[in-house]
């Protein structure tokens, strides 16, 4: 098996890493962001959305990026590495994407 990342996967990883480490270079930066309302940096999450990261695991026909588990894993790894402040739990988000992928075609619109 070849576990070498494609150039696109490396670009994705590097872009997420640059954004998150630039926004939260230290533990103190994360602490300050968490303590201030709303508890996370809206501009960072807006930028992630602009980059298509929030739609990564969702099928293209539902407005997502249609990415696979490697791409989702790369983003999750970078988020875990930096631990960006967030008030919204991400686990239900990833579960929803997984459920949408597995749902029969006729049922996807109701998922």
PDB file of N, CA and C in Angstrom:
ATOM      1  N   UNK A   1       0.829  -1.184   0.000  1.00  0.00           N
ATOM      2  CA  UNK A   1       0.000   0.000   0.000  1.00  0.00           C
ATOM      3  C   UNK A   1       0.873   1.247   0.000  1.00  0.00           C
ATOM      4  N   UNK A   2       0.444   2.221  -0.746  1.00  0.00           N
ATOM      5  CA  UNK A   2       1.164   3.482  -0.822  1.00  0.00           C
ATOM      6  C   UNK A   2       0.415   4.532   0.000  1.00  0.00           C
ATOM      7  N   UNK A   3       1.042   5.015   1.048  1.00  0.00           N
ATOM      8  CA  UNK A   3       0.418   6.009   1.906  1.00  0.00           C
ATOM      9  C   UNK A   3       0.907   7.424   1.614  1.00  0.00           C
ATOM     10  N   UNK A   4       1.505   7.617   0.470  1.00  0.00           N
ATOM     11  CA  UNK A   4       1.983   8.935   0.080  1.00  0.00           C
ATOM     12  C   UNK A   4       0.793   9.838  -0.238  1.00  0.00           C
ATOM     13  N   UNK A   5       0.807  11.042   0.324  1.00  0.00           N
ATOM     14  CA  UNK A   5      -0.269  11.996   0.047  1.00  0.00           C
ATOM     15  C   UNK A   5      -0.122  12.550  -1.364  1.00  0.00           C
ATOM     16  N   UNK A   6      -1.259  12.815  -1.987  1.00  0.00           N
ATOM     17  CA  UNK A   6      -1.235  13.466  -3.297  1.00  0.00           C
ATOM     18  C   UNK A   6      -0.860  14.938  -3.092  1.00  0.00           C
ATOM     19  N   UNK A   7      -0.453  15.622  -4.147  1.00  0.00           N
ATOM     20  CA  UNK A   7      -0.164  17.054  -4.012  1.00  0.00           C
ATOM     21  C   UNK A   7      -1.372  17.839  -3.484  1.00  0.00           C
ATOM     22  N   UNK A   8      -2.580  17.452  -3.920  1.00  0.00           N
ATOM     23  CA  UNK A   8      -3.786  18.139  -3.449  1.00  0.00           C
ATOM     24  C   UNK A   8      -4.012  17.917  -1.963  1.00  0.00           C
ATOM     25  N   UNK A   9      -3.753  16.697  -1.496  1.00  0.00           N
ATOM     26  CA  UNK A   9      -3.907  16.399  -0.074  1.00  0.00           C
ATOM     27  C   UNK A   9      -2.884  17.166   0.763  1.00  0.00           C
ATOM     28  N   UNK A  10      -1.659  17.251   0.276  1.00  0.00           N
ATOM     29  CA  UNK A  10      -0.631  18.036   0.988  1.00  0.00           C
ATOM     30  C   UNK A  10      -1.014  19.510   1.028  1.00  0.00           C
ATOM     31  N   UNK A  11      -1.545  20.030  -0.084  1.00  0.00           N
ATOM     32  CA  UNK A  11      -1.980  21.427  -0.127  1.00  0.00           C
ATOM     33  C   UNK A  11      -3.092  21.685   0.877  1.00  0.00           C
ATOM     34  N   UNK A  12      -4.042  20.764   0.958  1.00  0.00           N
ATOM     35  CA  UNK A  12      -5.144  20.884   1.909  1.00  0.00           C
ATOM     36  C   UNK A  12      -4.599  20.920   3.335  1.00  0.00           C
ATOM     37  N   UNK A  13      -3.768  19.947   3.674  1.00  0.00           N
ATOM     38  CA  UNK A  13      -3.167  19.888   5.008  1.00  0.00           C
ATOM     39  C   UNK A  13      -2.410  21.159   5.331  1.00  0.00           C
ATOM     40  N   UNK A  14      -1.592  21.603   4.401  1.00  0.00           N
ATOM     41  CA  UNK A  14      -0.760  22.787   4.633  1.00  0.00           C
ATOM     42  C   UNK A  14      -1.602  24.053   4.789  1.00  0.00           C
ATOM     43  N   UNK A  15      -2.682  24.159   4.018  1.00  0.00           N
ATOM     44  CA  UNK A  15      -3.549  25.344   4.107  1.00  0.00           C
ATOM     45  C   UNK A  15      -4.269  25.398   5.450  1.00  0.00           C
ATOM     46  N   UNK A  16      -4.794  24.259   5.896  1.00  0.00           N
ATOM     47  CA  UNK A  16      -5.468  24.226   7.196  1.00  0.00           C
ATOM     48  C   UNK A  16      -4.469  24.486   8.317  1.00  0.00           C
ATOM     49  N   UNK A  17      -3.292  23.887   8.220  1.00  0.00           N
ATOM     50  CA  UNK A  17      -2.260  24.091   9.241  1.00  0.00           C
ATOM     51  C   UNK A  17      -1.861  25.562   9.318  1.00  0.00           C
ATOM     52  N   UNK A  18      -1.648  26.186   8.177  1.00  0.00           N
ATOM     53  CA  UNK A  18      -1.239  27.599   8.164  1.00  0.00           C
ATOM     54  C   UNK A  18      -2.319  28.493   8.773  1.00  0.00           C
ATOM     55  N   UNK A  19      -3.567  28.237   8.417  1.00  0.00           N
ATOM     56  CA  UNK A  19      -4.650  29.053   8.964  1.00  0.00           C
ATOM     57  C   UNK A  19      -4.743  28.898  10.472  1.00  0.00           C
ATOM     58  N   UNK A  20      -4.760  27.671  10.954  1.00  0.00           N
ATOM     59  CA  UNK A  20      -4.956  27.441  12.383  1.00  0.00           C
ATOM     60  C   UNK A  20      -3.751  27.849  13.230  1.00  0.00           C
ATOM     61  N   UNK A  21      -2.553  27.557  12.772  1.00  0.00           N
ATOM     62  CA  UNK A  21      -1.386  27.961  13.562  1.00  0.00           C
ATOM     63  C   UNK A  21      -1.187  29.467  13.513  1.00  0.00           C
ATOM     64  N   UNK A  22      -1.618  30.101  12.424  1.00  0.00           N
ATOM     65  CA  UNK A  22      -1.548  31.557  12.359  1.00  0.00           C
ATOM     66  C   UNK A  22      -2.556  32.219  13.281  1.00  0.00           C
ATOM     67  N   UNK A  23      -3.726  31.617  13.403  1.00  0.00           N
ATOM     68  CA  UNK A  23      -4.774  32.184  14.253  1.00  0.00           C
ATOM     69  C   UNK A  23      -4.532  31.897  15.726  1.00  0.00           C
ATOM     70  N   UNK A  24      -3.949  30.748  16.032  1.00  0.00           N
ATOM     71  CA  UNK A  24      -3.734  30.329  17.423  1.00  0.00           C
ATOM     72  C   UNK A  24      -2.287  29.860  17.616  1.00  0.00           C
ATOM     73  N   UNK A  25      -1.339  30.792  17.597  1.00  0.00           N
ATOM     74  CA  UNK A  25       0.058  30.368  17.700  1.00  0.00           C
ATOM     75  C   UNK A  25       0.454  29.831  19.077  1.00  0.00           C
ATOM     76  N   UNK A  26      -0.279  30.202  20.114  1.00  0.00           N
ATOM     77  CA  UNK A  26       0.080  29.747  21.457  1.00  0.00           C
ATOM     78  C   UNK A  26      -1.152  29.286  22.229  1.00  0.00           C
ATOM     79  N   UNK A  27      -0.905  28.559  23.287  1.00  0.00           N
ATOM     80  CA  UNK A  27      -1.981  28.141  24.185  1.00  0.00           C
ATOM     81  C   UNK A  27      -2.675  29.366  24.764  1.00  0.00           C
ATOM     82  N   UNK A  28      -1.922  30.391  25.049  1.00  0.00           N
ATOM     83  CA  UNK A  28      -2.495  31.627  25.603  1.00  0.00           C
ATOM     84  C   UNK A  28      -3.480  32.261  24.616  1.00  0.00           C
ATOM     85  N   UNK A  29      -3.166  32.230  23.331  1.00  0.00           N
ATOM     86  CA  UNK A  29      -4.084  32.762  22.312  1.00  0.00           C
ATOM     87  C   UNK A  29      -5.395  31.977  22.305  1.00  0.00           C
ATOM     88  N   UNK A  30      -5.293  30.661  22.414  1.00  0.00           N
ATOM     89  CA  UNK A  30      -6.507  29.836  22.450  1.00  0.00           C
ATOM     90  C   UNK A  30      -7.319  30.132  23.710  1.00  0.00           C
ATOM     91  N   UNK A  31      -6.641  30.296  24.838  1.00  0.00           N
ATOM     92  CA  UNK A  31      -7.332  30.585  26.091  1.00  0.00           C
ATOM     93  C   UNK A  31      -8.070  31.912  26.011  1.00  0.00           C
ATOM     94  N   UNK A  32      -7.415  32.934  25.502  1.00  0.00           N
ATOM     95  CA  UNK A  32      -8.051  34.253  25.380  1.00  0.00           C
ATOM     96  C   UNK A  32      -9.270  34.197  24.460  1.00  0.00           C
ATOM     97  N   UNK A  33      -9.138  33.471  23.372  1.00  0.00           N
ATOM     98  CA  UNK A  33     -10.254  33.353  22.433  1.00  0.00           C
ATOM     99  C   UNK A  33     -11.435  32.640  23.093  1.00  0.00           C
ATOM    100  N   UNK A  34     -11.150  31.600  23.840  1.00  0.00           N
ATOM    101  CA  UNK A  34     -12.207  30.834  24.514  1.00  0.00           C
ATOM    102  C   UNK A  34     -12.919  31.674  25.565  1.00  0.00           C
ATOM    103  N   UNK A  35     -12.184  32.516  26.272  1.00  0.00           N
ATOM    104  CA  UNK A  35     -12.772  33.319  27.341  1.00  0.00           C
ATOM    105  C   UNK A  35     -13.576  34.509  26.828  1.00  0.00           C
ATOM    106  N   UNK A  36     -13.289  34.962  25.634  1.00  0.00           N
ATOM    107  CA  UNK A  36     -14.020  36.104  25.056  1.00  0.00           C
ATOM    108  C   UNK A  36     -15.254  35.593  24.301  1.00  0.00           C
ATOM    109  N   UNK A  37     -16.311  36.396  24.314  1.00  0.00           N
ATOM    110  CA  UNK A  37     -17.519  36.016  23.571  1.00  0.00           C
ATOM    111  C   UNK A  37     -17.213  36.078  22.072  1.00  0.00           C
ATOM    112  N   UNK A  38     -17.646  35.151  21.284  1.00  0.00           N
ATOM    113  CA  UNK A  38     -18.549  34.030  21.566  1.00  0.00           C
ATOM    114  C   UNK A  38     -17.832  32.744  21.969  1.00  0.00           C
ATOM    115  N   UNK A  39     -16.544  32.794  22.261  1.00  0.00           N
ATOM    116  CA  UNK A  39     -15.816  31.606  22.690  1.00  0.00           C
ATOM    117  C   UNK A  39     -15.018  30.928  21.593  1.00  0.00           C
ATOM    118  N   UNK A  40     -15.059  31.489  20.410  1.00  0.00           N
ATOM    119  CA  UNK A  40     -14.269  30.988  19.283  1.00  0.00           C
ATOM    120  C   UNK A  40     -14.061  32.151  18.328  1.00  0.00           C
ATOM    121  N   UNK A  41     -13.094  32.021  17.440  1.00  0.00           N
ATOM    122  CA  UNK A  41     -12.788  33.089  16.486  1.00  0.00           C
ATOM    123  C   UNK A  41     -13.654  32.916  15.241  1.00  0.00           C
ATOM    124  N   UNK A  42     -14.671  33.751  15.133  1.00  0.00           N
ATOM    125  CA  UNK A  42     -15.592  33.635  13.996  1.00  0.00           C
ATOM    126  C   UNK A  42     -14.866  33.760  12.663  1.00  0.00           C
ATOM    127  N   UNK A  43     -13.854  34.632  12.592  1.00  0.00           N
ATOM    128  CA  UNK A  43     -13.143  34.812  11.322  1.00  0.00           C
ATOM    129  C   UNK A  43     -12.416  33.546  10.889  1.00  0.00           C
ATOM    130  N   UNK A  44     -11.951  32.749  11.844  1.00  0.00           N
ATOM    131  CA  UNK A  44     -11.265  31.504  11.488  1.00  0.00           C
ATOM    132  C   UNK A  44     -12.265  30.507  10.905  1.00  0.00           C
ATOM    133  N   UNK A  45     -13.418  30.373  11.557  1.00  0.00           N
ATOM    134  CA  UNK A  45     -14.425  29.436  11.064  1.00  0.00           C
ATOM    135  C   UNK A  45     -15.019  29.917   9.746  1.00  0.00           C
ATOM    136  N   UNK A  46     -15.122  31.221   9.562  1.00  0.00           N
ATOM    137  CA  UNK A  46     -15.576  31.759   8.271  1.00  0.00           C
ATOM    138  C   UNK A  46     -14.572  31.422   7.177  1.00  0.00           C
ATOM    139  N   UNK A  47     -13.311  31.531   7.508  1.00  0.00           N
ATOM    140  CA  UNK A  47     -12.259  31.210   6.530  1.00  0.00           C
ATOM    141  C   UNK A  47     -12.274  29.713   6.199  1.00  0.00           C
ATOM    142  N   UNK A  48     -12.465  28.869   7.213  1.00  0.00           N
ATOM    143  CA  UNK A  48     -12.574  27.430   6.953  1.00  0.00           C
ATOM    144  C   UNK A  48     -13.749  27.144   6.020  1.00  0.00           C
ATOM    145  N   UNK A  49     -14.853  27.847   6.241  1.00  0.00           N
ATOM    146  CA  UNK A  49     -16.018  27.687   5.360  1.00  0.00           C
ATOM    147  C   UNK A  49     -15.691  28.155   3.955  1.00  0.00           C
ATOM    148  N   UNK A  50     -15.021  29.303   3.832  1.00  0.00           N
ATOM    149  CA  UNK A  50     -14.638  29.823   2.515  1.00  0.00           C
ATOM    150  C   UNK A  50     -13.736  28.845   1.764  1.00  0.00           C
ATOM    151  N   UNK A  51     -12.899  28.139   2.517  1.00  0.00           N
ATOM    152  CA  UNK A  51     -11.980  27.164   1.922  1.00  0.00           C
ATOM    153  C   UNK A  51     -12.697  25.865   1.537  1.00  0.00           C
ATOM    154  N   UNK A  52     -13.957  25.723   1.947  1.00  0.00           N
ATOM    155  CA  UNK A  52     -14.704  24.508   1.651  1.00  0.00           C
ATOM    156  C   UNK A  52     -14.517  23.409   2.679  1.00  0.00           C
ATOM    157  N   UNK A  53     -13.798  23.700   3.748  1.00  0.00           N
ATOM    158  CA  UNK A  53     -13.491  22.678   4.757  1.00  0.00           C
ATOM    159  C   UNK A  53     -14.757  22.173   5.447  1.00  0.00           C
ATOM    160  N   UNK A  54     -15.697  23.058   5.719  1.00  0.00           N
ATOM    161  CA  UNK A  54     -16.900  22.639   6.437  1.00  0.00           C
ATOM    162  C   UNK A  54     -17.801  21.756   5.584  1.00  0.00           C
ATOM    163  N   UNK A  55     -17.624  21.790   4.279  1.00  0.00           N
ATOM    164  CA  UNK A  55     -18.388  20.940   3.383  1.00  0.00           C
ATOM    165  C   UNK A  55     -17.601  19.746   2.879  1.00  0.00           C
ATOM    166  N   UNK A  56     -16.424  19.564   3.416  1.00  0.00           N
ATOM    167  CA  UNK A  56     -15.514  18.534   2.928  1.00  0.00           C
ATOM    168  C   UNK A  56     -16.140  17.145   2.842  1.00  0.00           C
ATOM    169  N   UNK A  57     -16.770  16.635   3.883  1.00  0.00           N
ATOM    170  CA  UNK A  57     -17.239  15.251   3.811  1.00  0.00           C
ATOM    171  C   UNK A  57     -18.587  15.055   3.129  1.00  0.00           C
ATOM    172  N   UNK A  58     -19.253  16.137   2.782  1.00  0.00           N
ATOM    173  CA  UNK A  58     -20.581  16.013   2.185  1.00  0.00           C
ATOM    174  C   UNK A  58     -20.486  15.834   0.677  1.00  0.00           C
ATOM    175  N   UNK A  59     -21.387  15.027   0.097  1.00  0.00           N
ATOM    176  CA  UNK A  59     -21.360  14.804  -1.352  1.00  0.00           C
ATOM    177  C   UNK A  59     -21.547  16.112  -2.130  1.00  0.00           C
ATOM    178  N   UNK A  60     -20.949  16.177  -3.287  1.00  0.00           N
ATOM    179  CA  UNK A  60     -21.040  17.371  -4.125  1.00  0.00           C
ATOM    180  C   UNK A  60     -22.476  17.707  -4.491  1.00  0.00           C
ATOM    181  N   UNK A  61     -23.306  16.690  -4.701  1.00  0.00           N
ATOM    182  CA  UNK A  61     -24.700  16.957  -5.079  1.00  0.00           C
ATOM    183  C   UNK A  61     -25.493  17.605  -3.945  1.00  0.00           C
ATOM    184  N   UNK A  62     -24.916  17.631  -2.752  1.00  0.00           N
ATOM    185  CA  UNK A  62     -25.552  18.292  -1.615  1.00  0.00           C
ATOM    186  C   UNK A  62     -24.773  19.545  -1.203  1.00  0.00           C
ATOM    187  N   UNK A  63     -23.962  20.057  -2.108  1.00  0.00           N
ATOM    188  CA  UNK A  63     -23.226  21.286  -1.853  1.00  0.00           C
ATOM    189  C   UNK A  63     -21.899  21.113  -1.150  1.00  0.00           C
ATOM    190  N   UNK A  64     -21.483  19.881  -0.967  1.00  0.00           N
ATOM    191  CA  UNK A  64     -20.215  19.621  -0.293  1.00  0.00           C
ATOM    192  C   UNK A  64     -19.062  19.479  -1.262  1.00  0.00           C
ATOM    193  N   UNK A  65     -17.953  19.031  -0.741  1.00  0.00           N
ATOM    194  CA  UNK A  65     -16.760  18.846  -1.552  1.00  0.00           C
ATOM    195  C   UNK A  65     -16.600  17.399  -2.023  1.00  0.00           C
ATOM    196  N   UNK A  66     -17.314  16.475  -1.376  1.00  0.00           N
ATOM    197  CA  UNK A  66     -17.225  15.070  -1.768  1.00  0.00           C
ATOM    198  C   UNK A  66     -15.883  14.436  -1.466  1.00  0.00           C
ATOM    199  N   UNK A  67     -15.203  14.934  -0.455  1.00  0.00           N
ATOM    200  CA  UNK A  67     -13.885  14.409  -0.112  1.00  0.00           C
ATOM    201  C   UNK A  67     -13.998  13.062   0.584  1.00  0.00           C
ATOM    202  N   UNK A  68     -12.924  12.330   0.560  1.00  0.00           N
ATOM    203  CA  UNK A  68     -12.892  11.016   1.185  1.00  0.00           C
ATOM    204  C   UNK A  68     -12.331  11.059   2.597  1.00  0.00           C
ATOM    205  N   UNK A  69     -12.187   9.892   3.183  1.00  0.00           N
ATOM    206  CA  UNK A  69     -11.722   9.818   4.565  1.00  0.00           C
ATOM    207  C   UNK A  69     -10.296  10.332   4.772  1.00  0.00           C
ATOM    208  N   UNK A  70      -9.458  10.247   3.775  1.00  0.00           N
ATOM    209  CA  UNK A  70      -8.083  10.748   3.923  1.00  0.00           C
ATOM    210  C   UNK A  70      -8.102  12.262   4.101  1.00  0.00           C
ATOM    211  N   UNK A  71      -8.850  12.953   3.253  1.00  0.00           N
ATOM    212  CA  UNK A  71      -8.920  14.413   3.346  1.00  0.00           C
ATOM    213  C   UNK A  71      -9.558  14.854   4.661  1.00  0.00           C
ATOM    214  N   UNK A  72     -10.635  14.185   5.042  1.00  0.00           N
ATOM    215  CA  UNK A  72     -11.295  14.500   6.313  1.00  0.00           C
ATOM    216  C   UNK A  72     -10.335  14.232   7.468  1.00  0.00           C
ATOM    217  N   UNK A  73      -9.613  13.136   7.391  1.00  0.00           N
ATOM    218  CA  UNK A  73      -8.633  12.810   8.428  1.00  0.00           C
ATOM    219  C   UNK A  73      -7.510  13.823   8.521  1.00  0.00           C
ATOM    220  N   UNK A  74      -7.058  14.319   7.383  1.00  0.00           N
ATOM    221  CA  UNK A  74      -5.998  15.337   7.396  1.00  0.00           C
ATOM    222  C   UNK A  74      -6.456  16.605   8.108  1.00  0.00           C
ATOM    223  N   UNK A  75      -7.688  17.020   7.834  1.00  0.00           N
ATOM    224  CA  UNK A  75      -8.232  18.214   8.485  1.00  0.00           C
ATOM    225  C   UNK A  75      -8.408  17.953   9.979  1.00  0.00           C
ATOM    226  N   UNK A  76      -8.950  16.789  10.323  1.00  0.00           N
ATOM    227  CA  UNK A  76      -9.138  16.450  11.738  1.00  0.00           C
ATOM    228  C   UNK A  76      -7.798  16.407  12.470  1.00  0.00           C
ATOM    229  N   UNK A  77      -6.782  15.888  11.816  1.00  0.00           N
ATOM    230  CA  UNK A  77      -5.446  15.831  12.417  1.00  0.00           C
ATOM    231  C   UNK A  77      -4.908  17.238  12.687  1.00  0.00           C
ATOM    232  N   UNK A  78      -5.080  18.132  11.732  1.00  0.00           N
ATOM    233  CA  UNK A  78      -4.592  19.501  11.925  1.00  0.00           C
ATOM    234  C   UNK A  78      -5.393  20.224  13.007  1.00  0.00           C
ATOM    235  N   UNK A  79      -6.691  19.974  13.071  1.00  0.00           N
ATOM    236  CA  UNK A  79      -7.498  20.589  14.123  1.00  0.00           C
ATOM    237  C   UNK A  79      -7.086  20.039  15.487  1.00  0.00           C
ATOM    238  N   UNK A  80      -6.818  18.756  15.548  1.00  0.00           N
ATOM    239  CA  UNK A  80      -6.358  18.163  16.798  1.00  0.00           C
ATOM    240  C   UNK A  80      -4.985  18.672  17.201  1.00  0.00           C
ATOM    241  N   UNK A  81      -4.156  18.945  16.225  1.00  0.00           N
ATOM    242  CA  UNK A  81      -2.815  19.442  16.501  1.00  0.00           C
ATOM    243  C   UNK A  81      -2.848  20.828  17.118  1.00  0.00           C
ATOM    244  N   UNK A  82      -3.762  21.661  16.659  1.00  0.00           N
ATOM    245  CA  UNK A  82      -3.849  23.043  17.127  1.00  0.00           C
ATOM    246  C   UNK A  82      -4.912  23.211  18.217  1.00  0.00           C
ATOM    247  N   UNK A  83      -5.925  22.362  18.199  1.00  0.00           N
ATOM    248  CA  UNK A  83      -7.059  22.454  19.139  1.00  0.00           C
ATOM    249  C   UNK A  83      -7.703  23.835  19.111  1.00  0.00           C
ATOM    250  N   UNK A  84      -8.260  24.236  17.966  1.00  0.00           N
ATOM    251  CA  UNK A  84      -8.880  25.558  17.885  1.00  0.00           C
ATOM    252  C   UNK A  84     -10.115  25.650  18.776  1.00  0.00           C
ATOM    253  N   UNK A  85     -10.316  26.793  19.419  1.00  0.00           N
ATOM    254  CA  UNK A  85     -11.505  26.961  20.252  1.00  0.00           C
ATOM    255  C   UNK A  85     -12.773  26.861  19.407  1.00  0.00           C
ATOM    256  N   UNK A  86     -13.756  26.162  19.944  1.00  0.00           N
ATOM    257  CA  UNK A  86     -15.022  26.010  19.240  1.00  0.00           C
ATOM    258  C   UNK A  86     -16.122  25.710  20.237  1.00  0.00           C
ATOM    259  N   UNK A  87     -17.242  26.367  20.080  1.00  0.00           N
ATOM    260  CA  UNK A  87     -18.401  26.077  20.915  1.00  0.00           C
ATOM    261  C   UNK A  87     -19.289  25.019  20.276  1.00  0.00           C
ATOM    262  N   UNK A  88     -19.038  24.735  19.012  1.00  0.00           N
ATOM    263  CA  UNK A  88     -19.879  23.757  18.332  1.00  0.00           C
ATOM    264  C   UNK A  88     -19.159  22.416  18.278  1.00  0.00           C
ATOM    265  N   UNK A  89     -19.831  21.348  18.709  1.00  0.00           N
ATOM    266  CA  UNK A  89     -19.198  20.027  18.654  1.00  0.00           C
ATOM    267  C   UNK A  89     -19.061  19.573  17.211  1.00  0.00           C
ATOM    268  N   UNK A  90     -17.940  19.005  16.874  1.00  0.00           N
ATOM    269  CA  UNK A  90     -17.719  18.582  15.493  1.00  0.00           C
ATOM    270  C   UNK A  90     -18.125  17.134  15.251  1.00  0.00           C
ATOM    271  N   UNK A  91     -18.189  16.309  16.290  1.00  0.00           N
ATOM    272  CA  UNK A  91     -18.526  14.896  16.093  1.00  0.00           C
ATOM    273  C   UNK A  91     -19.879  14.720  15.414  1.00  0.00           C
ATOM    274  N   UNK A  92     -20.949  15.417  15.852  1.00  0.00           N
ATOM    275  CA  UNK A  92     -22.228  15.241  15.149  1.00  0.00           C
ATOM    276  C   UNK A  92     -22.157  15.654  13.679  1.00  0.00           C
ATOM    277  N   UNK A  93     -21.348  16.651  13.387  1.00  0.00           N
ATOM    278  CA  UNK A  93     -21.166  17.116  12.009  1.00  0.00           C
ATOM    279  C   UNK A  93     -20.600  15.996  11.138  1.00  0.00           C
ATOM    280  N   UNK A  94     -19.529  15.359  11.622  1.00  0.00           N
ATOM    281  CA  UNK A  94     -18.905  14.288  10.853  1.00  0.00           C
ATOM    282  C   UNK A  94     -19.839  13.086  10.749  1.00  0.00           C
ATOM    283  N   UNK A  95     -20.605  12.802  11.808  1.00  0.00           N
ATOM    284  CA  UNK A  95     -21.567  11.694  11.754  1.00  0.00           C
ATOM    285  C   UNK A  95     -22.656  11.978  10.719  1.00  0.00           C
ATOM    286  N   UNK A  96     -23.097  13.227  10.655  1.00  0.00           N
ATOM    287  CA  UNK A  96     -24.130  13.586   9.672  1.00  0.00           C
ATOM    288  C   UNK A  96     -23.612  13.361   8.256  1.00  0.00           C
ATOM    289  N   UNK A  97     -22.375  13.737   8.024  1.00  0.00           N
ATOM    290  CA  UNK A  97     -21.792  13.538   6.690  1.00  0.00           C
ATOM    291  C   UNK A  97     -21.716  12.056   6.352  1.00  0.00           C
ATOM    292  N   UNK A  98     -21.324  11.257   7.328  1.00  0.00           N
ATOM    293  CA  UNK A  98     -21.230   9.817   7.115  1.00  0.00           C
ATOM    294  C   UNK A  98     -22.607   9.219   6.837  1.00  0.00           C
ATOM    295  N   UNK A  99     -23.603   9.648   7.590  1.00  0.00           N
ATOM    296  CA  UNK A  99     -24.970   9.152   7.399  1.00  0.00           C
ATOM    297  C   UNK A  99     -25.502   9.527   6.029  1.00  0.00           C
ATOM    298  N   UNK A 100     -25.206  10.746   5.596  1.00  0.00           N
ATOM    299  CA  UNK A 100     -25.674  11.200   4.289  1.00  0.00           C
ATOM    300  C   UNK A 100     -25.065  10.364   3.175  1.00  0.00           C
ATOM    301  N   UNK A 101     -23.804  10.037   3.304  1.00  0.00           N
ATOM    302  CA  UNK A 101     -23.139   9.209   2.299  1.00  0.00           C
ATOM    303  C   UNK A 101     -23.747   7.809   2.230  1.00  0.00           C
ATOM    304  N   UNK A 102     -24.151   7.270   3.378  1.00  0.00           N
ATOM    305  CA  UNK A 102     -24.652   5.891   3.448  1.00  0.00           C
ATOM    306  C   UNK A 102     -26.140   5.766   3.143  1.00  0.00           C
ATOM    307  N   UNK A 103     -26.860   6.868   3.203  1.00  0.00           N
ATOM    308  CA  UNK A 103     -28.318   6.826   2.998  1.00  0.00           C
ATOM    309  C   UNK A 103     -28.641   6.450   1.554  1.00  0.00           C
ATOM    310  N   UNK A 104     -29.728   5.689   1.374  1.00  0.00           N
ATOM    311  CA  UNK A 104     -30.161   5.385   0.001  1.00  0.00           C
ATOM    312  C   UNK A 104     -30.465   6.678  -0.744  1.00  0.00           C
ATOM    313  N   UNK A 105     -30.230   6.693  -2.021  1.00  0.00           N
ATOM    314  CA  UNK A 105     -30.382   7.906  -2.838  1.00  0.00           C
ATOM    315  C   UNK A 105     -31.733   8.596  -2.636  1.00  0.00           C
ATOM    316  N   UNK A 106     -32.813   7.851  -2.548  1.00  0.00           N
ATOM    317  CA  UNK A 106     -34.134   8.440  -2.387  1.00  0.00           C
ATOM    318  C   UNK A 106     -34.365   9.065  -1.023  1.00  0.00           C
ATOM    319  N   UNK A 107     -33.547   8.737  -0.043  1.00  0.00           N
ATOM    320  CA  UNK A 107     -33.726   9.227   1.318  1.00  0.00           C
ATOM    321  C   UNK A 107     -32.756  10.362   1.668  1.00  0.00           C
ATOM    322  N   UNK A 108     -31.801  10.648   0.831  1.00  0.00           N
ATOM    323  CA  UNK A 108     -30.775  11.645   1.155  1.00  0.00           C
ATOM    324  C   UNK A 108     -31.323  13.027   1.365  1.00  0.00           C
ATOM    325  N   UNK A 109     -32.334  13.393   0.640  1.00  0.00           N
ATOM    326  CA  UNK A 109     -32.904  14.745   0.781  1.00  0.00           C
ATOM    327  C   UNK A 109     -33.496  14.954   2.159  1.00  0.00           C
ATOM    328  N   UNK A 110     -33.939  13.893   2.821  1.00  0.00           N
ATOM    329  CA  UNK A 110     -34.533  14.034   4.148  1.00  0.00           C
ATOM    330  C   UNK A 110     -33.539  13.875   5.274  1.00  0.00           C
ATOM    331  N   UNK A 111     -32.279  13.577   4.972  1.00  0.00           N
ATOM    332  CA  UNK A 111     -31.263  13.390   6.000  1.00  0.00           C
ATOM    333  C   UNK A 111     -30.796  14.708   6.572  1.00  0.00           C
TER     334      UNK A 111
END
